[in-house]
């Protein structure tokens, strides 16, 4: 059954609302984690970034296998499937 849904944009929501926090982004091929320090129309910027090869339990903040990426790391927004802050 189809329903009509109203969507309202909220300032400071989404990626912009997570600026300054350590986030995890699930992308088409990889999982990245790092401090979100920048967002624009095409990319996000992560500092202290890592690529996660093996997650382990998602109930903890520690990854089973996360490899540090040197320097600043950029992720294309078009590749992001989901994102958030793991507690």
PDB file of N, CA and C in Angstrom:
ATOM      1  N   UNK A   1       0.835  -1.164   0.000  1.00  0.00           N
ATOM      2  CA  UNK A   1       0.000   0.000   0.000  1.00  0.00           C
ATOM      3  C   UNK A   1       0.888   1.237   0.000  1.00  0.00           C
ATOM      4  N   UNK A   2       0.601   2.180  -0.872  1.00  0.00           N
ATOM      5  CA  UNK A   2       1.348   3.430  -0.926  1.00  0.00           C
ATOM      6  C   UNK A   2       0.779   4.421   0.077  1.00  0.00           C
ATOM      7  N   UNK A   3       1.699   5.217   0.664  1.00  0.00           N
ATOM      8  CA  UNK A   3       1.275   6.266   1.581  1.00  0.00           C
ATOM      9  C   UNK A   3       2.005   7.555   1.235  1.00  0.00           C
ATOM     10  N   UNK A   4       1.385   8.652   1.547  1.00  0.00           N
ATOM     11  CA  UNK A   4       2.022   9.942   1.372  1.00  0.00           C
ATOM     12  C   UNK A   4       2.812  10.241   2.639  1.00  0.00           C
ATOM     13  N   UNK A   5       4.091  10.595   2.439  1.00  0.00           N
ATOM     14  CA  UNK A   5       4.960  10.907   3.566  1.00  0.00           C
ATOM     15  C   UNK A   5       5.542  12.297   3.344  1.00  0.00           C
ATOM     16  N   UNK A   6       5.444  13.156   4.326  1.00  0.00           N
ATOM     17  CA  UNK A   6       6.045  14.484   4.254  1.00  0.00           C
ATOM     18  C   UNK A   6       7.436  14.435   4.871  1.00  0.00           C
ATOM     19  N   UNK A   7       8.416  14.948   4.148  1.00  0.00           N
ATOM     20  CA  UNK A   7       9.791  14.988   4.631  1.00  0.00           C
ATOM     21  C   UNK A   7      10.148  16.444   4.916  1.00  0.00           C
ATOM     22  N   UNK A   8      10.660  16.703   6.110  1.00  0.00           N
ATOM     23  CA  UNK A   8      11.046  18.048   6.498  1.00  0.00           C
ATOM     24  C   UNK A   8      12.548  18.083   6.754  1.00  0.00           C
ATOM     25  N   UNK A   9      13.250  19.010   6.081  1.00  0.00           N
ATOM     26  CA  UNK A   9      14.680  19.160   6.325  1.00  0.00           C
ATOM     27  C   UNK A   9      14.898  19.914   7.620  1.00  0.00           C
ATOM     28  N   UNK A  10      15.892  19.449   8.392  1.00  0.00           N
ATOM     29  CA  UNK A  10      16.224  20.063   9.666  1.00  0.00           C
ATOM     30  C   UNK A  10      17.686  20.490   9.623  1.00  0.00           C
ATOM     31  N   UNK A  11      17.953  21.773   9.883  1.00  0.00           N
ATOM     32  CA  UNK A  11      19.329  22.259   9.908  1.00  0.00           C
ATOM     33  C   UNK A  11      20.115  21.547  11.002  1.00  0.00           C
ATOM     34  N   UNK A  12      21.389  21.239  10.709  1.00  0.00           N
ATOM     35  CA  UNK A  12      22.239  20.599  11.703  1.00  0.00           C
ATOM     36  C   UNK A  12      21.991  19.117  11.847  1.00  0.00           C
ATOM     37  N   UNK A  13      21.259  18.528  10.949  1.00  0.00           N
ATOM     38  CA  UNK A  13      20.924  17.102  10.982  1.00  0.00           C
ATOM     39  C   UNK A  13      21.859  16.366  10.013  1.00  0.00           C
ATOM     40  N   UNK A  14      21.945  15.072  10.102  1.00  0.00           N
ATOM     41  CA  UNK A  14      22.755  14.273   9.182  1.00  0.00           C
ATOM     42  C   UNK A  14      24.235  14.420   9.450  1.00  0.00           C
ATOM     43  N   UNK A  15      25.035  14.390   8.384  1.00  0.00           N
ATOM     44  CA  UNK A  15      26.488  14.451   8.533  1.00  0.00           C
ATOM     45  C   UNK A  15      26.940  15.737   9.211  1.00  0.00           C
ATOM     46  N   UNK A  16      26.333  16.857   8.879  1.00  0.00           N
ATOM     47  CA  UNK A  16      26.720  18.133   9.488  1.00  0.00           C
ATOM     48  C   UNK A  16      26.536  18.073  11.002  1.00  0.00           C
ATOM     49  N   UNK A  17      25.504  17.417  11.465  1.00  0.00           N
ATOM     50  CA  UNK A  17      25.250  17.297  12.889  1.00  0.00           C
ATOM     51  C   UNK A  17      26.263  16.435  13.622  1.00  0.00           C
ATOM     52  N   UNK A  18      27.029  15.658  12.872  1.00  0.00           N
ATOM     53  CA  UNK A  18      28.034  14.772  13.479  1.00  0.00           C
ATOM     54  C   UNK A  18      29.450  15.350  13.438  1.00  0.00           C
ATOM     55  N   UNK A  19      29.604  16.566  12.925  1.00  0.00           N
ATOM     56  CA  UNK A  19      30.929  17.189  12.866  1.00  0.00           C
ATOM     57  C   UNK A  19      31.581  17.195  14.244  1.00  0.00           C
ATOM     58  N   UNK A  20      32.869  16.827  14.273  1.00  0.00           N
ATOM     59  CA  UNK A  20      33.623  16.794  15.516  1.00  0.00           C
ATOM     60  C   UNK A  20      33.536  15.472  16.255  1.00  0.00           C
ATOM     61  N   UNK A  21      32.711  14.562  15.784  1.00  0.00           N
ATOM     62  CA  UNK A  21      32.572  13.261  16.442  1.00  0.00           C
ATOM     63  C   UNK A  21      33.285  12.175  15.636  1.00  0.00           C
ATOM     64  N   UNK A  22      33.626  11.094  16.320  1.00  0.00           N
ATOM     65  CA  UNK A  22      34.210   9.931  15.643  1.00  0.00           C
ATOM     66  C   UNK A  22      33.043   9.123  15.069  1.00  0.00           C
ATOM     67  N   UNK A  23      33.025   9.005  13.744  1.00  0.00           N
ATOM     68  CA  UNK A  23      31.921   8.321  13.076  1.00  0.00           C
ATOM     69  C   UNK A  23      32.433   7.110  12.321  1.00  0.00           C
ATOM     70  N   UNK A  24      31.503   6.282  11.898  1.00  0.00           N
ATOM     71  CA  UNK A  24      31.791   5.145  11.034  1.00  0.00           C
ATOM     72  C   UNK A  24      30.893   5.256   9.819  1.00  0.00           C
ATOM     73  N   UNK A  25      31.480   5.088   8.628  1.00  0.00           N
ATOM     74  CA  UNK A  25      30.705   5.126   7.392  1.00  0.00           C
ATOM     75  C   UNK A  25      30.846   3.804   6.663  1.00  0.00           C
ATOM     76  N   UNK A  26      29.710   3.211   6.326  1.00  0.00           N
ATOM     77  CA  UNK A  26      29.678   1.998   5.528  1.00  0.00           C
ATOM     78  C   UNK A  26      29.527   2.447   4.087  1.00  0.00           C
ATOM     79  N   UNK A  27      30.479   2.043   3.250  1.00  0.00           N
ATOM     80  CA  UNK A  27      30.464   2.430   1.846  1.00  0.00           C
ATOM     81  C   UNK A  27      30.266   1.201   0.971  1.00  0.00           C
ATOM     82  N   UNK A  28      30.272   1.414  -0.332  1.00  0.00           N
ATOM     83  CA  UNK A  28      30.053   0.321  -1.279  1.00  0.00           C
ATOM     84  C   UNK A  28      31.025  -0.835  -1.076  1.00  0.00           C
ATOM     85  N   UNK A  29      32.282  -0.514  -0.808  1.00  0.00           N
ATOM     86  CA  UNK A  29      33.295  -1.567  -0.705  1.00  0.00           C
ATOM     87  C   UNK A  29      33.973  -1.669   0.649  1.00  0.00           C
ATOM     88  N   UNK A  30      34.040  -0.586   1.389  1.00  0.00           N
ATOM     89  CA  UNK A  30      34.803  -0.575   2.628  1.00  0.00           C
ATOM     90  C   UNK A  30      34.031   0.107   3.749  1.00  0.00           C
ATOM     91  N   UNK A  31      34.530  -0.062   4.962  1.00  0.00           N
ATOM     92  CA  UNK A  31      34.028   0.641   6.138  1.00  0.00           C
ATOM     93  C   UNK A  31      35.159   1.558   6.599  1.00  0.00           C
ATOM     94  N   UNK A  32      34.835   2.838   6.800  1.00  0.00           N
ATOM     95  CA  UNK A  32      35.817   3.803   7.280  1.00  0.00           C
ATOM     96  C   UNK A  32      35.366   4.344   8.621  1.00  0.00           C
ATOM     97  N   UNK A  33      36.332   4.706   9.449  1.00  0.00           N
ATOM     98  CA  UNK A  33      36.035   5.328  10.739  1.00  0.00           C
ATOM     99  C   UNK A  33      37.040   6.438  10.974  1.00  0.00           C
ATOM    100  N   UNK A  34      36.619   7.491  11.648  1.00  0.00           N
ATOM    101  CA  UNK A  34      37.505   8.604  11.935  1.00  0.00           C
ATOM    102  C   UNK A  34      36.728   9.781  12.468  1.00  0.00           C
ATOM    103  N   UNK A  35      37.454  10.839  12.816  1.00  0.00           N
ATOM    104  CA  UNK A  35      36.803  12.049  13.306  1.00  0.00           C
ATOM    105  C   UNK A  35      36.323  12.861  12.114  1.00  0.00           C
ATOM    106  N   UNK A  36      35.039  13.131  12.057  1.00  0.00           N
ATOM    107  CA  UNK A  36      34.456  13.901  10.965  1.00  0.00           C
ATOM    108  C   UNK A  36      34.770  15.371  11.187  1.00  0.00           C
ATOM    109  N   UNK A  37      35.620  15.928  10.314  1.00  0.00           N
ATOM    110  CA  UNK A  37      36.039  17.320  10.478  1.00  0.00           C
ATOM    111  C   UNK A  37      35.597  18.209   9.322  1.00  0.00           C
ATOM    112  N   UNK A  38      35.018  17.625   8.280  1.00  0.00           N
ATOM    113  CA  UNK A  38      34.558  18.433   7.153  1.00  0.00           C
ATOM    114  C   UNK A  38      33.494  17.736   6.340  1.00  0.00           C
ATOM    115  N   UNK A  39      32.544  18.534   5.835  1.00  0.00           N
ATOM    116  CA  UNK A  39      31.472  18.031   4.969  1.00  0.00           C
ATOM    117  C   UNK A  39      31.225  19.079   3.894  1.00  0.00           C
ATOM    118  N   UNK A  40      31.180  18.639   2.625  1.00  0.00           N
ATOM    119  CA  UNK A  40      30.713  19.527   1.561  1.00  0.00           C
ATOM    120  C   UNK A  40      29.749  18.756   0.674  1.00  0.00           C
ATOM    121  N   UNK A  41      29.447  19.258  -0.495  1.00  0.00           N
ATOM    122  CA  UNK A  41      28.449  18.622  -1.356  1.00  0.00           C
ATOM    123  C   UNK A  41      28.889  17.268  -1.904  1.00  0.00           C
ATOM    124  N   UNK A  42      30.199  17.017  -1.989  1.00  0.00           N
ATOM    125  CA  UNK A  42      30.666  15.786  -2.622  1.00  0.00           C
ATOM    126  C   UNK A  42      31.455  14.853  -1.710  1.00  0.00           C
ATOM    127  N   UNK A  43      32.087  15.392  -0.662  1.00  0.00           N
ATOM    128  CA  UNK A  43      32.991  14.580   0.156  1.00  0.00           C
ATOM    129  C   UNK A  43      32.821  14.868   1.640  1.00  0.00           C
ATOM    130  N   UNK A  44      33.302  13.915   2.443  1.00  0.00           N
ATOM    131  CA  UNK A  44      33.496  14.166   3.861  1.00  0.00           C
ATOM    132  C   UNK A  44      34.991  14.022   4.137  1.00  0.00           C
ATOM    133  N   UNK A  45      35.465  14.721   5.154  1.00  0.00           N
ATOM    134  CA  UNK A  45      36.875  14.640   5.537  1.00  0.00           C
ATOM    135  C   UNK A  45      36.960  13.992   6.912  1.00  0.00           C
ATOM    136  N   UNK A  46      37.800  12.949   6.999  1.00  0.00           N
ATOM    137  CA  UNK A  46      38.040  12.244   8.250  1.00  0.00           C
ATOM    138  C   UNK A  46      39.485  12.440   8.673  1.00  0.00           C
ATOM    139  N   UNK A  47      39.695  12.819   9.926  1.00  0.00           N
ATOM    140  CA  UNK A  47      41.037  12.844  10.511  1.00  0.00           C
ATOM    141  C   UNK A  47      41.167  11.631  11.418  1.00  0.00           C
ATOM    142  N   UNK A  48      42.415  11.199  11.645  1.00  0.00           N
ATOM    143  CA  UNK A  48      42.672   9.996  12.449  1.00  0.00           C
ATOM    144  C   UNK A  48      41.831   8.832  11.925  1.00  0.00           C
ATOM    145  N   UNK A  49      41.850   8.673  10.608  1.00  0.00           N
ATOM    146  CA  UNK A  49      40.981   7.706   9.928  1.00  0.00           C
ATOM    147  C   UNK A  49      41.582   6.304   9.885  1.00  0.00           C
ATOM    148  N   UNK A  50      40.703   5.334   9.713  1.00  0.00           N
ATOM    149  CA  UNK A  50      41.109   3.939   9.541  1.00  0.00           C
ATOM    150  C   UNK A  50      40.107   3.249   8.611  1.00  0.00           C
ATOM    151  N   UNK A  51      40.599   2.237   7.923  1.00  0.00           N
ATOM    152  CA  UNK A  51      39.716   1.383   7.150  1.00  0.00           C
ATOM    153  C   UNK A  51      39.514   0.113   7.974  1.00  0.00           C
ATOM    154  N   UNK A  52      38.267  -0.309   8.096  1.00  0.00           N
ATOM    155  CA  UNK A  52      37.920  -1.456   8.939  1.00  0.00           C
ATOM    156  C   UNK A  52      37.802  -2.687   8.047  1.00  0.00           C
ATOM    157  N   UNK A  53      38.657  -3.679   8.288  1.00  0.00           N
ATOM    158  CA  UNK A  53      38.614  -4.908   7.508  1.00  0.00           C
ATOM    159  C   UNK A  53      37.801  -5.996   8.194  1.00  0.00           C
ATOM    160  N   UNK A  54      37.747  -5.940   9.516  1.00  0.00           N
ATOM    161  CA  UNK A  54      36.960  -6.923  10.269  1.00  0.00           C
ATOM    162  C   UNK A  54      36.350  -6.211  11.468  1.00  0.00           C
ATOM    163  N   UNK A  55      35.015  -6.230  11.564  1.00  0.00           N
ATOM    164  CA  UNK A  55      34.345  -5.437  12.589  1.00  0.00           C
ATOM    165  C   UNK A  55      34.395  -6.074  13.971  1.00  0.00           C
ATOM    166  N   UNK A  56      34.208  -7.364  14.073  1.00  0.00           N
ATOM    167  CA  UNK A  56      33.987  -7.966  15.372  1.00  0.00           C
ATOM    168  C   UNK A  56      32.617  -7.554  15.866  1.00  0.00           C
ATOM    169  N   UNK A  57      32.400  -7.530  17.160  1.00  0.00           N
ATOM    170  CA  UNK A  57      31.109  -7.150  17.732  1.00  0.00           C
ATOM    171  C   UNK A  57      30.840  -5.670  17.516  1.00  0.00           C
ATOM    172  N   UNK A  58      29.643  -5.324  17.084  1.00  0.00           N
ATOM    173  CA  UNK A  58      29.279  -3.919  16.896  1.00  0.00           C
ATOM    174  C   UNK A  58      28.781  -3.285  18.190  1.00  0.00           C
ATOM    175  N   UNK A  59      28.769  -4.044  19.275  1.00  0.00           N
ATOM    176  CA  UNK A  59      28.350  -3.515  20.571  1.00  0.00           C
ATOM    177  C   UNK A  59      29.489  -2.820  21.311  1.00  0.00           C
ATOM    178  N   UNK A  60      30.695  -2.858  20.749  1.00  0.00           N
ATOM    179  CA  UNK A  60      31.845  -2.218  21.379  1.00  0.00           C
ATOM    180  C   UNK A  60      32.415  -1.176  20.425  1.00  0.00           C
ATOM    181  N   UNK A  61      33.268  -0.307  20.947  1.00  0.00           N
ATOM    182  CA  UNK A  61      33.899   0.710  20.102  1.00  0.00           C
ATOM    183  C   UNK A  61      35.171   0.195  19.434  1.00  0.00           C
ATOM    184  N   UNK A  62      35.623  -0.979  19.806  1.00  0.00           N
ATOM    185  CA  UNK A  62      36.862  -1.526  19.270  1.00  0.00           C
ATOM    186  C   UNK A  62      36.587  -2.416  18.070  1.00  0.00           C
ATOM    187  N   UNK A  63      37.401  -2.231  17.027  1.00  0.00           N
ATOM    188  CA  UNK A  63      37.282  -3.062  15.832  1.00  0.00           C
ATOM    189  C   UNK A  63      38.210  -4.261  15.945  1.00  0.00           C
ATOM    190  N   UNK A  64      37.809  -5.352  15.342  1.00  0.00           N
ATOM    191  CA  UNK A  64      38.654  -6.551  15.305  1.00  0.00           C
ATOM    192  C   UNK A  64      39.921  -6.274  14.495  1.00  0.00           C
ATOM    193  N   UNK A  65      39.773  -5.609  13.334  1.00  0.00           N
ATOM    194  CA  UNK A  65      40.918  -5.272  12.488  1.00  0.00           C
ATOM    195  C   UNK A  65      40.645  -3.961  11.769  1.00  0.00           C
ATOM    196  N   UNK A  66      41.247  -2.881  12.271  1.00  0.00           N
ATOM    197  CA  UNK A  66      41.151  -1.567  11.630  1.00  0.00           C
ATOM    198  C   UNK A  66      42.566  -1.066  11.367  1.00  0.00           C
ATOM    199  N   UNK A  67      42.839  -0.720  10.127  1.00  0.00           N
ATOM    200  CA  UNK A  67      44.171  -0.272   9.735  1.00  0.00           C
ATOM    201  C   UNK A  67      44.176   1.247   9.569  1.00  0.00           C
ATOM    202  N   UNK A  68      45.070   1.914  10.292  1.00  0.00           N
ATOM    203  CA  UNK A  68      45.160   3.370  10.240  1.00  0.00           C
ATOM    204  C   UNK A  68      45.539   3.843   8.836  1.00  0.00           C
ATOM    205  N   UNK A  69      44.936   4.952   8.437  1.00  0.00           N
ATOM    206  CA  UNK A  69      45.266   5.614   7.174  1.00  0.00           C
ATOM    207  C   UNK A  69      46.042   6.875   7.524  1.00  0.00           C
ATOM    208  N   UNK A  70      47.184   7.071   6.897  1.00  0.00           N
ATOM    209  CA  UNK A  70      48.006   8.221   7.264  1.00  0.00           C
ATOM    210  C   UNK A  70      47.418   9.520   6.720  1.00  0.00           C
ATOM    211  N   UNK A  71      47.507  10.555   7.527  1.00  0.00           N
ATOM    212  CA  UNK A  71      47.051  11.873   7.103  1.00  0.00           C
ATOM    213  C   UNK A  71      45.541  12.004   7.071  1.00  0.00           C
ATOM    214  N   UNK A  72      45.111  13.022   6.360  1.00  0.00           N
ATOM    215  CA  UNK A  72      43.689  13.297   6.196  1.00  0.00           C
ATOM    216  C   UNK A  72      43.110  12.359   5.151  1.00  0.00           C
ATOM    217  N   UNK A  73      41.873  11.913   5.362  1.00  0.00           N
ATOM    218  CA  UNK A  73      41.241  10.987   4.430  1.00  0.00           C
ATOM    219  C   UNK A  73      39.890  11.539   4.001  1.00  0.00           C
ATOM    220  N   UNK A  74      39.590  11.446   2.708  1.00  0.00           N
ATOM    221  CA  UNK A  74      38.326  11.922   2.161  1.00  0.00           C
ATOM    222  C   UNK A  74      37.510  10.741   1.642  1.00  0.00           C
ATOM    223  N   UNK A  75      36.219  10.779   1.875  1.00  0.00           N
ATOM    224  CA  UNK A  75      35.309   9.744   1.386  1.00  0.00           C
ATOM    225  C   UNK A  75      34.239  10.431   0.559  1.00  0.00           C
ATOM    226  N   UNK A  76      33.981   9.901  -0.619  1.00  0.00           N
ATOM    227  CA  UNK A  76      32.971  10.448  -1.526  1.00  0.00           C
ATOM    228  C   UNK A  76      31.581  10.150  -0.968  1.00  0.00           C
ATOM    229  N   UNK A  77      30.762  11.164  -0.800  1.00  0.00           N
ATOM    230  CA  UNK A  77      29.414  11.005  -0.250  1.00  0.00           C
ATOM    231  C   UNK A  77      28.585  10.035  -1.088  1.00  0.00           C
ATOM    232  N   UNK A  78      28.775  10.042  -2.395  1.00  0.00           N
ATOM    233  CA  UNK A  78      28.003   9.156  -3.274  1.00  0.00           C
ATOM    234  C   UNK A  78      28.255   7.681  -2.982  1.00  0.00           C
ATOM    235  N   UNK A  79      29.392   7.359  -2.337  1.00  0.00           N
ATOM    236  CA  UNK A  79      29.722   5.956  -2.030  1.00  0.00           C
ATOM    237  C   UNK A  79      29.182   5.509  -0.676  1.00  0.00           C
ATOM    238  N   UNK A  80      28.702   6.452   0.150  1.00  0.00           N
ATOM    239  CA  UNK A  80      28.254   6.113   1.497  1.00  0.00           C
ATOM    240  C   UNK A  80      26.871   5.484   1.460  1.00  0.00           C
ATOM    241  N   UNK A  81      26.751   4.317   2.108  1.00  0.00           N
ATOM    242  CA  UNK A  81      25.464   3.653   2.232  1.00  0.00           C
ATOM    243  C   UNK A  81      24.792   3.983   3.561  1.00  0.00           C
ATOM    244  N   UNK A  82      25.587   4.079   4.633  1.00  0.00           N
ATOM    245  CA  UNK A  82      25.051   4.450   5.947  1.00  0.00           C
ATOM    246  C   UNK A  82      26.197   4.976   6.800  1.00  0.00           C
ATOM    247  N   UNK A  83      25.824   5.677   7.887  1.00  0.00           N
ATOM    248  CA  UNK A  83      26.843   6.261   8.754  1.00  0.00           C
ATOM    249  C   UNK A  83      26.241   6.499  10.133  1.00  0.00           C
ATOM    250  N   UNK A  84      27.129   6.668  11.110  1.00  0.00           N
ATOM    251  CA  UNK A  84      26.663   6.955  12.454  1.00  0.00           C
ATOM    252  C   UNK A  84      27.800   6.902  13.455  1.00  0.00           C
ATOM    253  N   UNK A  85      27.425   7.096  14.714  1.00  0.00           N
ATOM    254  CA  UNK A  85      28.351   7.027  15.834  1.00  0.00           C
ATOM    255  C   UNK A  85      28.049   5.733  16.582  1.00  0.00           C
ATOM    256  N   UNK A  86      29.054   4.869  16.692  1.00  0.00           N
ATOM    257  CA  UNK A  86      28.862   3.627  17.429  1.00  0.00           C
ATOM    258  C   UNK A  86      29.084   3.889  18.901  1.00  0.00           C
ATOM    259  N   UNK A  87      28.201   3.405  19.726  1.00  0.00           N
ATOM    260  CA  UNK A  87      28.288   3.606  21.183  1.00  0.00           C
ATOM    261  C   UNK A  87      29.025   2.460  21.827  1.00  0.00           C
TER     262      UNK A  87
END
